[in-house]
Amino acid sequence: MKVTPLPTPSSPPPAADEGVPVSQKIRERLKSAQRRFHANDNIAEFIEPGELEALLDEVRSRMVTVLDSLVIDTESDHNTQDTARRVAKMYLNEVFKGRYVRQPTVTEFPNVEHLNELMIVGPVTVRSACSHHLCPIIGKLWIGVMPNEHSNLIGLSKYARLAEWIMSRPQIQEEAVTQVADLLQDKMQPDGLAIVMEADHFCMQWRGVRDMDSKMINSVMRGSFLKDANLRREFLALVNNRKGG
């Protein structure tokens, strides 16, 4: 009697995206949604659970290639043997963190006392990186708010949290300040909003002209700060006094 062997279970077919770099998967989601992913954009909603860790491994492997191309012997040089992973962790978990994590939770509360006087927050220390050379940008931020009875108010520390979330991305200063202003305007809906930023740019100090004294100062004025010259002067005078200039 001939015995027919039982079929052996076969391995499941490989997933369609097996072997595809996680950066490519995220990029395809962004493109499908027709969402921009410039250096200073937040892409957290397109990153699935577990993918940030996989992205870190991918960046580490790419950084090994960069170090190889710089002719750095990472095998025998004890100082650089783990540099690729350190750099990957620094970019994803620290200096560019604002691209990959969702906006920090900020408790908003109503303006019960109908406050309508000028409020100034600052200086808030901010750290970023120039999107041209990835060199540090380190500076101070001053925020002026003219609330109205319908404005949402936020806690003092939350200004720093929101600013850090925006600044922890490759930026140019002019766009970064506008992004901070847009975020605060949306959250608070004040009558007026003013922001001044003063920063050192290491793309000028560390490279290029190597000018150690130059700083960049720029501002954004919205609402009553734009329309009322006296209010604008009051804000700038108080900021200058705080700066000692």
Protein backbone atom coordinates (compact mmCIF):
# COMPACT_ATOMS: atom_id res chain seq x y z
CA MET A 1 0.00 0.00 0.00
CA LYS A 2 1.43 3.29 -1.03
CA VAL A 3 1.44 5.92 1.70
CA THR A 4 1.12 9.51 0.59
CA PRO A 5 3.32 11.73 2.77
CA LEU A 6 1.55 14.46 4.63
CA PRO A 7 2.31 17.94 3.34
CA THR A 8 4.83 19.76 5.46
CA PRO A 9 3.85 23.20 6.66
CA SER A 10 5.51 25.86 4.63
CA SER A 11 6.93 29.10 5.96
CA PRO A 12 4.68 32.13 5.53
CA PRO A 13 5.56 34.22 2.52
CA PRO A 14 7.81 37.15 3.32
CA ALA A 15 6.08 40.45 3.97
CA ALA A 16 5.90 42.69 0.94
CA ASP A 17 7.99 45.36 2.66
CA GLU A 18 10.53 43.02 4.24
CA GLY A 19 14.01 44.40 3.73
CA VAL A 20 12.71 47.88 2.89
CA PRO A 21 14.50 50.55 4.97
CA VAL A 22 12.20 52.06 7.58
CA SER A 23 13.06 55.55 6.32
CA GLN A 24 11.63 54.57 2.93
CA LYS A 25 8.41 53.28 4.52
CA ILE A 26 7.93 56.55 6.40
CA ARG A 27 8.75 58.59 3.30
CA GLU A 28 6.19 56.69 1.23
CA ARG A 29 3.48 57.37 3.83
CA LEU A 30 4.30 61.06 3.73
CA LYS A 31 4.19 61.14 -0.05
CA SER A 32 0.89 59.21 -0.14
CA ALA A 33 -0.61 61.76 2.24
CA GLN A 34 0.92 64.57 0.16
CA ARG A 35 2.59 65.90 3.29
CA ARG A 36 5.75 67.96 3.26
CA PHE A 37 8.77 66.58 5.14
CA HIS A 38 11.29 69.40 5.09
CA ALA A 39 14.03 69.52 7.70
CA ASN A 40 11.96 71.66 10.09
CA ASP A 41 8.69 69.70 9.72
CA ASN A 42 7.29 67.35 12.35
CA ILE A 43 6.56 63.87 10.95
CA ALA A 44 5.61 62.03 14.17
CA GLU A 45 2.13 61.02 13.00
CA PHE A 46 3.66 59.01 10.14
CA ILE A 47 5.97 56.96 12.39
CA GLU A 48 4.48 53.69 13.65
CA PRO A 49 5.29 52.07 17.03
CA GLY A 50 8.77 50.55 17.06
CA GLU A 51 9.90 52.35 13.94
CA LEU A 52 11.88 55.04 15.72
CA GLU A 53 14.17 52.38 17.17
CA ALA A 54 14.56 50.83 13.71
CA LEU A 55 15.27 54.27 12.27
CA LEU A 56 18.00 54.77 14.85
CA ASP A 57 19.66 51.53 13.71
CA GLU A 58 19.39 52.64 10.09
CA VAL A 59 20.94 56.05 10.80
CA ARG A 60 23.72 54.32 12.76
CA SER A 61 24.55 52.07 9.80
CA ARG A 62 24.55 55.02 7.40
CA MET A 63 26.77 56.98 9.78
CA VAL A 64 29.29 54.12 9.75
CA THR A 65 29.50 54.60 5.99
CA VAL A 66 30.03 58.35 6.43
CA LEU A 67 32.89 57.74 8.87
CA ASP A 68 34.39 55.20 6.48
CA SER A 69 34.22 57.77 3.68
CA LEU A 70 36.01 60.25 5.93
CA VAL A 71 38.79 57.65 6.22
CA ILE A 72 38.36 57.23 9.97
CA ASP A 73 39.43 53.83 11.28
CA THR A 74 36.53 53.06 13.59
CA GLU A 75 37.74 49.49 14.11
CA SER A 76 41.00 50.26 15.87
CA ASP A 77 40.33 53.84 17.04
CA HIS A 78 38.77 53.36 20.48
CA ASN A 79 37.45 56.94 20.45
CA THR A 80 35.23 56.40 17.40
CA GLN A 81 34.22 52.74 17.69
CA ASP A 82 30.74 53.69 18.94
CA THR A 83 30.54 57.15 17.38
CA ALA A 84 28.02 56.15 14.71
CA ARG A 85 25.48 55.01 17.31
CA ARG A 86 26.15 58.03 19.53
CA VAL A 87 25.52 60.37 16.61
CA ALA A 88 22.34 58.51 15.60
CA LYS A 89 20.97 58.74 19.16
CA MET A 90 21.93 62.42 19.36
CA TYR A 91 20.07 63.29 16.16
CA LEU A 92 16.91 61.25 16.76
CA ASN A 93 16.55 61.52 20.55
CA GLU A 94 17.97 64.97 21.21
CA VAL A 95 18.90 67.67 18.73
CA PHE A 96 16.31 66.73 16.05
CA LYS A 97 13.79 65.21 18.45
CA GLY A 98 11.18 67.80 17.48
CA ARG A 99 10.79 66.11 14.09
CA TYR A 100 9.99 62.66 15.44
CA VAL A 101 7.85 63.13 18.56
CA ARG A 102 4.38 64.56 18.88
CA GLN A 103 3.73 68.01 20.30
CA PRO A 104 4.13 68.06 24.10
CA THR A 105 0.92 68.10 26.10
CA VAL A 106 0.12 71.62 27.23
CA THR A 107 -2.64 72.37 29.69
CA GLU A 108 -4.64 75.41 28.65
CA PHE A 109 -6.96 77.27 30.99
CA PRO A 110 -9.45 80.08 30.39
CA ASN A 111 -8.70 83.71 31.09
CA VAL A 112 -11.12 83.85 34.03
CA GLU A 113 -9.87 87.24 35.28
CA HIS A 114 -10.08 88.73 31.78
CA LEU A 115 -6.41 89.70 31.80
CA ASN A 116 -5.64 92.18 29.04
CA GLU A 117 -2.22 93.58 29.97
CA LEU A 118 1.12 92.90 28.35
CA MET A 119 2.81 89.67 29.47
CA ILE A 120 6.43 88.92 28.63
CA VAL A 121 8.09 85.52 28.96
CA GLY A 122 11.84 85.20 28.65
CA PRO A 123 14.57 84.83 28.09
CA VAL A 124 13.92 81.23 27.08
CA THR A 125 17.12 79.43 26.11
CA VAL A 126 16.74 77.70 22.74
CA ARG A 127 19.03 75.30 20.90
CA SER A 128 18.75 74.27 17.29
CA ALA A 129 20.90 73.44 14.28
CA CYS A 130 21.36 75.30 11.03
CA SER A 131 19.71 73.29 8.27
CA HIS A 132 22.48 74.32 5.86
CA HIS A 133 25.46 72.84 7.73
CA LEU A 134 23.85 71.19 10.81
CA CYS A 135 25.93 73.47 13.02
CA PRO A 136 24.50 74.59 16.38
CA ILE A 137 22.29 77.64 16.83
CA ILE A 138 22.10 78.69 20.47
CA GLY A 139 20.22 81.72 21.71
CA LYS A 140 17.42 83.35 23.67
CA LEU A 141 13.75 83.88 22.94
CA TRP A 142 11.44 86.56 24.33
CA ILE A 143 7.68 86.21 23.97
CA GLY A 144 5.15 89.00 24.40
CA VAL A 145 1.44 88.26 24.71
CA MET A 146 -1.56 90.59 24.79
CA PRO A 147 -4.42 88.32 25.92
CA ASN A 148 -8.12 89.00 25.69
CA GLU A 149 -11.03 87.63 27.70
CA HIS A 150 -11.39 84.70 25.28
CA SER A 151 -7.70 83.78 25.19
CA ASN A 152 -6.41 80.47 26.46
CA LEU A 153 -3.55 80.85 28.95
CA ILE A 154 -0.73 78.35 29.39
CA GLY A 155 1.72 77.74 32.21
CA LEU A 156 5.06 79.52 32.22
CA SER A 157 7.15 76.38 31.64
CA LYS A 158 4.99 75.39 28.67
CA TYR A 159 6.33 78.27 26.57
CA ALA A 160 9.79 76.71 26.89
CA ARG A 161 8.46 73.22 26.10
CA LEU A 162 6.71 74.37 22.93
CA ALA A 163 9.69 76.46 21.81
CA GLU A 164 12.04 73.51 22.36
CA TRP A 165 9.76 71.24 20.31
CA ILE A 166 9.96 73.67 17.39
CA MET A 167 13.66 74.43 17.74
CA SER A 168 14.80 70.80 18.09
CA ARG A 169 14.88 70.42 14.32
CA PRO A 170 17.21 71.64 11.59
CA GLN A 171 16.13 75.25 11.19
CA ILE A 172 16.92 78.64 9.85
CA GLN A 173 16.21 81.28 12.46
CA GLU A 174 13.72 83.28 10.42
CA GLU A 175 11.47 80.27 9.85
CA ALA A 176 11.87 78.93 13.40
CA VAL A 177 10.56 82.15 14.97
CA THR A 178 7.57 82.13 12.64
CA GLN A 179 6.80 78.52 13.55
CA VAL A 180 6.87 79.36 17.27
CA ALA A 181 4.57 82.33 16.64
CA ASP A 182 2.11 80.23 14.60
CA LEU A 183 1.96 77.57 17.32
CA LEU A 184 1.37 80.05 20.17
CA GLN A 185 -1.16 82.04 18.14
CA ASP A 186 -3.13 78.86 17.47
CA LYS A 187 -3.07 77.75 21.10
CA MET A 188 -3.76 81.06 22.83
CA GLN A 189 -5.69 83.19 20.33
CA PRO A 190 -4.39 86.46 21.87
CA ASP A 191 -5.05 89.96 20.59
CA GLY A 192 -1.33 90.34 20.01
CA LEU A 193 1.79 88.21 19.92
CA ALA A 194 5.42 89.28 19.66
CA ILE A 195 8.58 87.19 19.55
CA VAL A 196 12.21 88.27 19.50
CA MET A 197 15.08 85.83 19.09
CA GLU A 198 18.80 86.50 19.43
CA ALA A 199 21.20 83.67 18.65
CA ASP A 200 24.77 82.67 17.93
CA HIS A 201 25.25 80.69 14.73
CA PHE A 202 28.13 78.24 14.77
CA CYS A 203 28.05 78.04 10.96
CA MET A 204 29.65 81.50 11.19
CA GLN A 205 31.75 80.95 14.31
CA TRP A 206 33.01 77.42 13.77
CA ARG A 207 33.41 77.59 9.98
CA GLY A 208 33.17 80.12 7.17
CA VAL A 209 34.18 83.62 8.26
CA ARG A 210 34.69 82.44 11.88
CA ASP A 211 33.27 85.65 13.28
CA MET A 212 32.86 85.03 17.01
CA ASP A 213 30.93 88.23 17.77
CA SER A 214 28.12 88.28 15.21
CA LYS A 215 24.61 87.40 16.35
CA MET A 216 21.34 87.25 14.49
CA ILE A 217 18.30 89.03 15.90
CA ASN A 218 14.87 88.82 14.36
CA SER A 219 11.28 89.32 15.42
CA VAL A 220 7.70 88.45 14.57
CA MET A 221 4.84 90.81 15.43
CA ARG A 222 1.18 89.83 15.23
CA GLY A 223 -2.09 91.60 15.91
CA SER A 224 -1.92 94.55 18.31
CA PHE A 225 1.90 94.50 18.36
CA LEU A 226 1.85 95.11 14.63
CA LYS A 227 -0.84 97.80 14.74
CA ASP A 228 0.07 99.67 17.95
CA ALA A 229 3.49 101.32 17.76
CA ASN A 230 3.43 102.26 21.47
CA LEU A 231 2.79 98.66 22.53
CA ARG A 232 5.55 97.47 20.24
CA ARG A 233 7.98 100.01 21.68
CA GLU A 234 7.04 99.02 25.24
CA PHE A 235 7.70 95.35 24.52
CA LEU A 236 11.03 96.00 22.78
CA ALA A 237 12.15 98.39 25.54
CA LEU A 238 11.41 95.81 28.24
CA VAL A 239 13.24 93.13 26.27
CA ASN A 240 16.25 95.38 25.75
CA ASN A 241 16.34 96.22 29.46
CA ARG A 242 16.28 92.52 30.29
CA LYS A 243 19.13 91.96 27.82
CA GLY A 244 21.06 94.79 29.38
CA GLY A 245 21.29 96.63 26.08
